Structure formats: structure tokens, C-alpha cells
Amino acid sequence: FLSSLFYHLKMSRLSWLEYGMHLAATASLRSEDPYVQVGCCILRPDNSIASLGYNGAPPGVDIDWSNRDDRRKRVIHAETNALRFIKPGEADRMFVTLMPCSDCLKNAASYGIDKIFYNKIYSFDSSAKDLAQEFKITLQQIT
């Protein structure tokens, strides 16, 4: 992955959209979830990094990763982990490797995030698209 990224960098400079998505993908590599590794990058209006996050267990909590359904009740989402390091209104864009669920989209809205870019569709919660429209958040898939 990194060698292809460095080759790409030599050939052309990453756009801010590519930059945010690559940072989210890199953050996802920290996830210990064997089923879904999700990463999130939040950028400020000046394109500086406000925060990074990945999905995983709360501090001090051991999750039985062998039970896929049971672990869903305990995992903190990448977006939530990233949002905890910023102040409301500090950032405007979120980049996520998996489309946010409705709860994460509501949390992003409460922090003033008005653009969310994601790679893969989250099939367990389709209400995020409706909420994004209602909250006037641009929700765009980047493949």
C-alpha cells in the first residue's frame, strides 16, 4: 500500500479529497476488529488535520472478537473516536472508510461537519442518507 502511495506521490500531488481518504485508510489499520476495520480523518477548513480515529474497544475493555454480533454492542466507531478530539465548529469535513451509521452522522452534525466522504456503503443502517439530507450534510461516496 505505502509503496504504491509513494509512487503516486512522485507522479502527482494528492488532492485534499485523496489526502483525507488516505489518512482515514491509514487510521483504519489500527483497528483490532477482525471483521470491519474503519478509519476516520477530520479536516479543518484550512485542510489541516483536526483528528484521526479508528473503530475499537473502549479503553480498558476487552471485547470477545470471535462473536461478531456481540462485539457490535461494544465497539466505539471511528467517527466517535475522531470527534472526541475536536471542538464543535473546529472542522468541516470528515473522511471515513465506511459510510457513517445514523448515530455517527448525528454526532458529526452536532460538531458542525457539513461534508462527509466515505468509501464503502454501510448496509446495516440506511437511514444515514436521509438524515444527511435533512441536516444539509453532503454525503458522498468516493470509490
Protein backbone atom coordinates (compact mmCIF):
# COMPACT_ATOMS: atom_id res chain seq x y z
CA PHE A 1 0.00 0.00 0.00
CA LEU A 2 2.62 2.55 1.04
CA SER A 3 4.90 1.82 -1.89
CA SER A 4 2.04 2.47 -4.34
CA LEU A 5 1.15 5.62 -2.40
CA PHE A 6 4.74 6.90 -2.57
CA TYR A 7 4.87 6.11 -6.29
CA HIS A 8 1.62 8.06 -6.76
CA LEU A 9 3.08 10.98 -4.80
CA LYS A 10 6.11 11.10 -7.07
CA MET A 11 3.84 11.21 -10.12
CA SER A 12 1.31 13.76 -8.84
CA ARG A 13 0.31 15.53 -5.69
CA LEU A 14 -2.69 14.16 -3.77
CA SER A 15 -5.84 16.26 -3.84
CA TRP A 16 -7.32 17.20 -0.45
CA LEU A 17 -10.02 14.60 -1.04
CA GLU A 18 -7.42 11.88 -1.71
CA TYR A 19 -5.38 13.09 1.26
CA GLY A 20 -8.32 12.77 3.65
CA MET A 21 -9.30 9.34 2.33
CA HIS A 22 -5.72 8.04 2.54
CA LEU A 23 -5.42 9.27 6.12
CA ALA A 24 -8.72 7.56 7.03
CA ALA A 25 -7.48 4.33 5.41
CA THR A 26 -4.22 4.57 7.36
CA ALA A 27 -6.09 5.14 10.64
CA SER A 28 -8.18 2.01 9.95
CA LEU A 29 -5.01 -0.08 10.16
CA ARG A 30 -5.01 0.47 13.95
CA SER A 31 -8.38 -1.28 14.37
CA GLU A 32 -8.31 -4.66 16.09
CA ASP A 33 -11.78 -5.62 14.81
CA PRO A 34 -11.25 -8.73 12.66
CA TYR A 35 -14.48 -8.13 10.69
CA VAL A 36 -14.51 -4.44 9.82
CA GLN A 37 -11.60 -2.02 10.16
CA VAL A 38 -12.84 1.57 9.89
CA GLY A 39 -10.80 4.75 9.89
CA CYS A 40 -11.81 8.39 10.07
CA CYS A 41 -10.00 11.63 9.30
CA ILE A 42 -11.39 15.06 10.14
CA LEU A 43 -10.00 18.16 8.41
CA ARG A 44 -10.35 21.81 9.31
CA PRO A 45 -11.33 24.42 6.69
CA ASP A 46 -7.61 25.22 6.16
CA ASN A 47 -7.02 21.49 5.33
CA SER A 48 -5.03 20.83 8.49
CA ILE A 49 -5.71 17.58 10.33
CA ALA A 50 -8.11 18.08 13.22
CA SER A 51 -8.29 14.42 14.25
CA LEU A 52 -7.96 10.77 13.31
CA GLY A 53 -9.85 7.81 14.74
CA TYR A 54 -10.49 4.11 14.22
CA ASN A 55 -13.06 1.62 15.49
CA GLY A 56 -12.20 -0.40 18.55
CA ALA A 57 -12.85 -1.24 22.17
CA PRO A 58 -13.26 1.47 24.82
CA PRO A 59 -10.13 1.91 26.96
CA GLY A 60 -9.78 -0.91 29.48
CA VAL A 61 -12.48 -3.07 27.89
CA ASP A 62 -11.72 -6.47 26.39
CA ILE A 63 -14.03 -7.47 23.58
CA ASP A 64 -14.62 -11.06 22.51
CA TRP A 65 -13.88 -10.51 18.83
CA SER A 66 -14.94 -14.08 17.94
CA ASN A 67 -18.64 -13.19 18.36
CA ARG A 68 -19.40 -10.79 15.51
CA ASP A 69 -22.87 -9.77 16.68
CA ASP A 70 -21.91 -9.38 20.32
CA ARG A 71 -18.92 -7.18 19.53
CA ARG A 72 -21.17 -4.68 17.69
CA LYS A 73 -22.68 -3.68 21.05
CA ARG A 74 -19.28 -2.72 22.43
CA VAL A 75 -17.23 -1.23 19.59
CA ILE A 76 -16.71 2.53 19.54
CA HIS A 77 -17.00 3.75 15.96
CA ALA A 78 -14.10 5.50 14.21
CA GLU A 79 -16.12 8.71 13.80
CA THR A 80 -16.88 8.88 17.54
CA ASN A 81 -13.23 8.29 18.39
CA ALA A 82 -12.16 11.05 15.99
CA LEU A 83 -14.80 13.56 17.12
CA ARG A 84 -13.73 13.33 20.75
CA PHE A 85 -10.51 15.22 19.96
CA ILE A 86 -12.10 18.30 18.37
CA LYS A 87 -14.27 21.19 19.47
CA PRO A 88 -17.66 21.88 17.84
CA GLY A 89 -17.18 24.13 14.82
CA GLU A 90 -13.45 23.39 14.52
CA ALA A 91 -13.70 21.20 11.41
CA ASP A 92 -15.93 20.94 8.38
CA ARG A 93 -15.04 17.67 6.61
CA MET A 94 -14.97 14.03 7.62
CA PHE A 95 -13.44 11.20 5.61
CA VAL A 96 -14.44 7.65 6.56
CA THR A 97 -13.61 4.26 5.07
CA LEU A 98 -17.21 3.11 5.74
CA MET A 99 -20.37 5.23 5.41
CA PRO A 100 -21.34 6.53 8.86
CA CYS A 101 -24.29 4.99 10.68
CA SER A 102 -27.12 7.32 11.66
CA ASP A 103 -25.73 7.84 15.18
CA CYS A 104 -22.31 8.85 13.86
CA LEU A 105 -23.92 11.14 11.30
CA LYS A 106 -25.92 12.87 14.06
CA ASN A 107 -22.75 13.27 16.12
CA ALA A 108 -20.90 14.73 13.13
CA ALA A 109 -23.77 17.19 12.57
CA SER A 110 -23.57 18.30 16.20
CA TYR A 111 -19.89 19.22 15.63
CA GLY A 112 -20.65 21.25 12.51
CA ILE A 113 -19.34 18.74 9.98
CA ASP A 114 -21.14 19.52 6.73
CA LYS A 115 -19.30 17.24 4.29
CA ILE A 116 -18.72 13.51 4.78
CA PHE A 117 -16.83 11.44 2.25
CA TYR A 118 -16.79 7.66 2.53
CA ASN A 119 -15.55 4.65 0.61
CA LYS A 120 -17.83 1.67 1.31
CA ILE A 121 -21.57 1.63 1.99
CA TYR A 122 -22.74 0.64 5.48
CA SER A 123 -25.52 -1.87 4.83
CA PHE A 124 -26.82 -2.16 8.42
CA ASP A 125 -28.18 1.38 8.63
CA SER A 126 -29.59 3.07 5.54
CA SER A 127 -31.16 5.99 7.44
CA ALA A 128 -27.90 7.98 7.36
CA LYS A 129 -28.60 9.14 3.80
CA ASP A 130 -31.99 10.56 4.80
CA LEU A 131 -30.52 12.25 7.87
CA ALA A 132 -27.73 13.76 5.78
CA GLN A 133 -30.30 15.39 3.52
CA GLU A 134 -32.31 16.64 6.48
CA PHE A 135 -29.20 18.05 8.20
CA LYS A 136 -27.86 19.52 4.92
CA ILE A 137 -24.72 17.40 5.08
CA THR A 138 -23.07 16.44 1.81
CA LEU A 139 -22.65 12.66 1.94
CA GLN A 140 -20.55 11.43 -0.96
CA GLN A 141 -19.14 8.05 -1.81
CA ILE A 142 -15.56 8.03 -3.08
CA THR A 143 -14.54 4.78 -4.73
